[in-house]
Amino acid sequence: MSETWQESPEHGELQRLVDLLFATETRADRLDALVLAQSHDLSEDLVEVVSLLPPMGLTRPQFCDQINSTLAAHGWGRRYGIVS
């Protein structure tokens, strides 16, 4: 029996968040990401993903690795999309 995966209407929102965070900065932290996520009215699930980031400045690759790890742990990669 195979499961049917559907993309969330918010698929790609985390990628947009990453793009905005790193448009002018080389590092971002959890607080920066949370403020931006909440100001863009992201869903509770996506705000939860962001809230699980470590409390330190991260480069874009580190940030993406952390987000993608959390998405994978929740089984949400297909639903919300991975980030790069």
N, C-alpha and C. Protein backbone atom coordinates (compact mmCIF):
# COMPACT_ATOMS: atom_id res chain seq x y z
N MET A 1 0.85 -1.18 0.00
CA MET A 1 0.00 0.00 0.00
C MET A 1 0.89 1.24 0.00
N SER A 2 0.73 2.09 -0.96
CA SER A 2 1.56 3.30 -1.03
C SER A 2 0.78 4.50 -0.51
N GLU A 3 1.52 5.38 0.14
CA GLU A 3 0.90 6.60 0.64
C GLU A 3 0.88 7.64 -0.47
N THR A 4 -0.14 8.45 -0.46
CA THR A 4 -0.21 9.56 -1.40
C THR A 4 0.28 10.81 -0.70
N TRP A 5 1.33 11.41 -1.25
CA TRP A 5 1.89 12.63 -0.68
C TRP A 5 1.34 13.82 -1.43
N GLN A 6 0.90 14.78 -0.68
CA GLN A 6 0.43 16.01 -1.30
C GLN A 6 1.28 17.17 -0.80
N GLU A 7 1.63 18.03 -1.71
CA GLU A 7 2.35 19.24 -1.31
C GLU A 7 1.41 20.15 -0.56
N SER A 8 1.95 20.77 0.45
CA SER A 8 1.21 21.76 1.20
C SER A 8 1.08 23.03 0.37
N PRO A 9 0.04 23.83 0.60
CA PRO A 9 -0.01 25.14 -0.05
C PRO A 9 1.21 25.99 0.30
N GLU A 10 1.88 25.65 1.40
CA GLU A 10 3.08 26.39 1.81
C GLU A 10 4.36 25.77 1.28
N HIS A 11 4.24 24.84 0.35
CA HIS A 11 5.44 24.22 -0.24
C HIS A 11 6.30 25.33 -0.84
N GLY A 12 7.57 25.36 -0.47
CA GLY A 12 8.48 26.38 -0.98
C GLY A 12 8.62 27.61 -0.10
N GLU A 13 7.78 27.73 0.92
CA GLU A 13 7.85 28.92 1.79
C GLU A 13 9.17 28.97 2.56
N LEU A 14 9.67 27.82 2.98
CA LEU A 14 10.95 27.82 3.70
C LEU A 14 12.09 28.25 2.78
N GLN A 15 12.02 27.88 1.50
CA GLN A 15 13.06 28.31 0.56
C GLN A 15 13.02 29.83 0.41
N ARG A 16 11.82 30.39 0.34
CA ARG A 16 11.70 31.85 0.25
C ARG A 16 12.26 32.51 1.52
N LEU A 17 12.01 31.89 2.67
CA LEU A 17 12.54 32.40 3.93
C LEU A 17 14.07 32.41 3.90
N VAL A 18 14.66 31.31 3.45
CA VAL A 18 16.12 31.22 3.36
C VAL A 18 16.66 32.28 2.40
N ASP A 19 16.01 32.43 1.26
CA ASP A 19 16.46 33.43 0.28
C ASP A 19 16.41 34.84 0.87
N LEU A 20 15.36 35.15 1.61
CA LEU A 20 15.25 36.47 2.23
C LEU A 20 16.30 36.67 3.32
N LEU A 21 16.49 35.66 4.16
CA LEU A 21 17.46 35.77 5.25
C LEU A 21 18.87 36.01 4.75
N PHE A 22 19.22 35.35 3.65
CA PHE A 22 20.60 35.42 3.17
C PHE A 22 20.77 36.32 1.95
N ALA A 23 19.79 37.15 1.68
CA ALA A 23 19.89 38.08 0.55
C ALA A 23 21.03 39.08 0.75
N THR A 24 21.22 39.50 1.99
CA THR A 24 22.25 40.50 2.26
C THR A 24 23.22 40.09 3.36
N GLU A 25 22.95 38.99 4.04
CA GLU A 25 23.78 38.55 5.17
C GLU A 25 24.46 37.22 4.86
N THR A 26 25.60 36.99 5.49
CA THR A 26 26.31 35.71 5.31
C THR A 26 26.00 34.74 6.44
N ARG A 27 25.43 35.25 7.54
CA ARG A 27 25.03 34.41 8.67
C ARG A 27 23.66 34.86 9.15
N ALA A 28 22.90 33.92 9.68
CA ALA A 28 21.60 34.23 10.28
C ALA A 28 21.43 33.33 11.49
N ASP A 29 20.62 33.79 12.44
CA ASP A 29 20.39 32.97 13.62
C ASP A 29 18.90 32.65 13.76
N ARG A 30 18.61 31.84 14.77
CA ARG A 30 17.23 31.39 14.98
C ARG A 30 16.28 32.56 15.18
N LEU A 31 16.69 33.55 15.96
CA LEU A 31 15.80 34.69 16.22
C LEU A 31 15.47 35.43 14.93
N ASP A 32 16.47 35.69 14.10
CA ASP A 32 16.22 36.34 12.80
C ASP A 32 15.20 35.55 12.00
N ALA A 33 15.39 34.23 11.96
CA ALA A 33 14.51 33.36 11.18
C ALA A 33 13.10 33.33 11.75
N LEU A 34 12.99 33.27 13.08
CA LEU A 34 11.66 33.24 13.71
C LEU A 34 10.89 34.53 13.46
N VAL A 35 11.57 35.65 13.60
CA VAL A 35 10.91 36.94 13.37
C VAL A 35 10.40 37.01 11.93
N LEU A 36 11.24 36.60 10.99
CA LEU A 36 10.84 36.63 9.58
C LEU A 36 9.71 35.64 9.31
N ALA A 37 9.79 34.45 9.87
CA ALA A 37 8.75 33.43 9.66
C ALA A 37 7.40 33.92 10.20
N GLN A 38 7.42 34.51 11.37
CA GLN A 38 6.17 34.99 11.96
C GLN A 38 5.64 36.22 11.23
N SER A 39 6.52 37.07 10.75
CA SER A 39 6.06 38.27 10.03
C SER A 39 5.47 37.90 8.67
N HIS A 40 5.84 36.73 8.14
CA HIS A 40 5.27 36.26 6.87
C HIS A 40 4.14 35.26 7.09
N ASP A 41 3.66 35.17 8.32
CA ASP A 41 2.52 34.31 8.67
C ASP A 41 2.68 32.87 8.22
N LEU A 42 3.86 32.29 8.44
CA LEU A 42 4.05 30.89 8.12
C LEU A 42 3.24 30.03 9.09
N SER A 43 2.90 28.84 8.67
CA SER A 43 2.09 27.93 9.48
C SER A 43 2.82 27.54 10.76
N GLU A 44 2.06 27.00 11.71
CA GLU A 44 2.65 26.54 12.97
C GLU A 44 3.73 25.49 12.71
N ASP A 45 3.50 24.59 11.76
CA ASP A 45 4.49 23.56 11.44
C ASP A 45 5.81 24.18 11.01
N LEU A 46 5.75 25.17 10.13
CA LEU A 46 6.98 25.78 9.63
C LEU A 46 7.66 26.63 10.69
N VAL A 47 6.89 27.30 11.52
CA VAL A 47 7.48 28.06 12.63
C VAL A 47 8.15 27.08 13.60
N GLU A 48 7.55 25.91 13.80
CA GLU A 48 8.17 24.89 14.65
C GLU A 48 9.51 24.44 14.08
N VAL A 49 9.56 24.22 12.77
CA VAL A 49 10.82 23.83 12.12
C VAL A 49 11.88 24.89 12.39
N VAL A 50 11.53 26.15 12.21
CA VAL A 50 12.48 27.24 12.43
C VAL A 50 12.88 27.33 13.90
N SER A 51 11.93 27.10 14.79
CA SER A 51 12.23 27.22 16.23
C SER A 51 13.20 26.14 16.72
N LEU A 52 13.37 25.07 15.95
CA LEU A 52 14.28 23.99 16.33
C LEU A 52 15.72 24.23 15.87
N LEU A 53 15.97 25.36 15.22
CA LEU A 53 17.34 25.70 14.84
C LEU A 53 18.18 25.93 16.09
N PRO A 54 19.48 25.64 16.03
CA PRO A 54 20.33 25.94 17.19
C PRO A 54 20.46 27.46 17.38
N PRO A 55 20.64 27.89 18.63
CA PRO A 55 20.69 29.33 18.94
C PRO A 55 22.07 29.94 18.68
N MET A 56 22.47 29.94 17.43
CA MET A 56 23.77 30.53 17.06
C MET A 56 23.71 30.98 15.62
N GLY A 57 24.64 31.82 15.23
CA GLY A 57 24.71 32.25 13.84
C GLY A 57 25.11 31.10 12.94
N LEU A 58 24.42 30.96 11.83
CA LEU A 58 24.68 29.88 10.88
C LEU A 58 24.92 30.45 9.49
N THR A 59 25.82 29.83 8.75
CA THR A 59 25.97 30.17 7.34
C THR A 59 24.79 29.56 6.59
N ARG A 60 24.63 29.97 5.35
CA ARG A 60 23.51 29.42 4.57
C ARG A 60 23.57 27.89 4.48
N PRO A 61 24.72 27.29 4.15
CA PRO A 61 24.75 25.81 4.09
C PRO A 61 24.41 25.16 5.43
N GLN A 62 24.91 25.72 6.53
CA GLN A 62 24.60 25.18 7.85
C GLN A 62 23.11 25.32 8.16
N PHE A 63 22.57 26.48 7.84
CA PHE A 63 21.16 26.76 8.08
C PHE A 63 20.29 25.76 7.30
N CYS A 64 20.61 25.58 6.03
CA CYS A 64 19.84 24.66 5.19
C CYS A 64 19.96 23.22 5.69
N ASP A 65 21.15 22.81 6.10
CA ASP A 65 21.33 21.46 6.65
C ASP A 65 20.44 21.26 7.87
N GLN A 66 20.39 22.24 8.74
CA GLN A 66 19.57 22.13 9.95
C GLN A 66 18.08 22.06 9.60
N ILE A 67 17.63 22.93 8.71
CA ILE A 67 16.22 22.93 8.31
C ILE A 67 15.87 21.60 7.64
N ASN A 68 16.70 21.14 6.72
CA ASN A 68 16.42 19.90 6.01
C ASN A 68 16.43 18.69 6.95
N SER A 69 17.31 18.70 7.94
CA SER A 69 17.33 17.61 8.93
C SER A 69 16.03 17.57 9.72
N THR A 70 15.55 18.74 10.11
CA THR A 70 14.29 18.80 10.86
C THR A 70 13.12 18.36 9.99
N LEU A 71 13.10 18.80 8.74
CA LEU A 71 12.04 18.37 7.82
C LEU A 71 12.05 16.85 7.65
N ALA A 72 13.24 16.29 7.50
CA ALA A 72 13.36 14.84 7.33
C ALA A 72 12.90 14.10 8.59
N ALA A 73 13.28 14.61 9.75
CA ALA A 73 12.90 13.97 11.01
C ALA A 73 11.39 13.95 11.21
N HIS A 74 10.72 14.98 10.72
CA HIS A 74 9.26 15.05 10.82
C HIS A 74 8.56 14.36 9.64
N GLY A 75 9.32 13.99 8.62
CA GLY A 75 8.71 13.41 7.43
C GLY A 75 8.00 14.45 6.58
N TRP A 76 8.47 15.69 6.62
CA TRP A 76 7.80 16.80 5.94
C TRP A 76 8.54 17.29 4.70
N GLY A 77 9.61 16.65 4.29
CA GLY A 77 10.39 17.12 3.15
C GLY A 77 9.57 17.27 1.88
N ARG A 78 8.78 16.27 1.58
CA ARG A 78 7.94 16.34 0.36
C ARG A 78 6.81 17.33 0.52
N ARG A 79 6.28 17.40 1.73
CA ARG A 79 5.13 18.28 1.97
C ARG A 79 5.50 19.76 1.84
N TYR A 80 6.62 20.14 2.45
CA TYR A 80 7.00 21.55 2.47
C TYR A 80 8.17 21.89 1.57
N GLY A 81 8.89 20.91 1.09
CA GLY A 81 10.04 21.15 0.22
C GLY A 81 11.31 21.37 1.00
N ILE A 82 12.41 20.85 0.47
CA ILE A 82 13.70 21.06 1.12
C ILE A 82 14.27 22.40 0.67
N VAL A 83 15.31 22.84 1.37
CA VAL A 83 15.89 24.15 1.07
C VAL A 83 17.34 24.01 0.66
N SER A 84 17.81 25.01 -0.08
CA SER A 84 19.22 25.02 -0.50
C SER A 84 19.75 26.44 -0.47
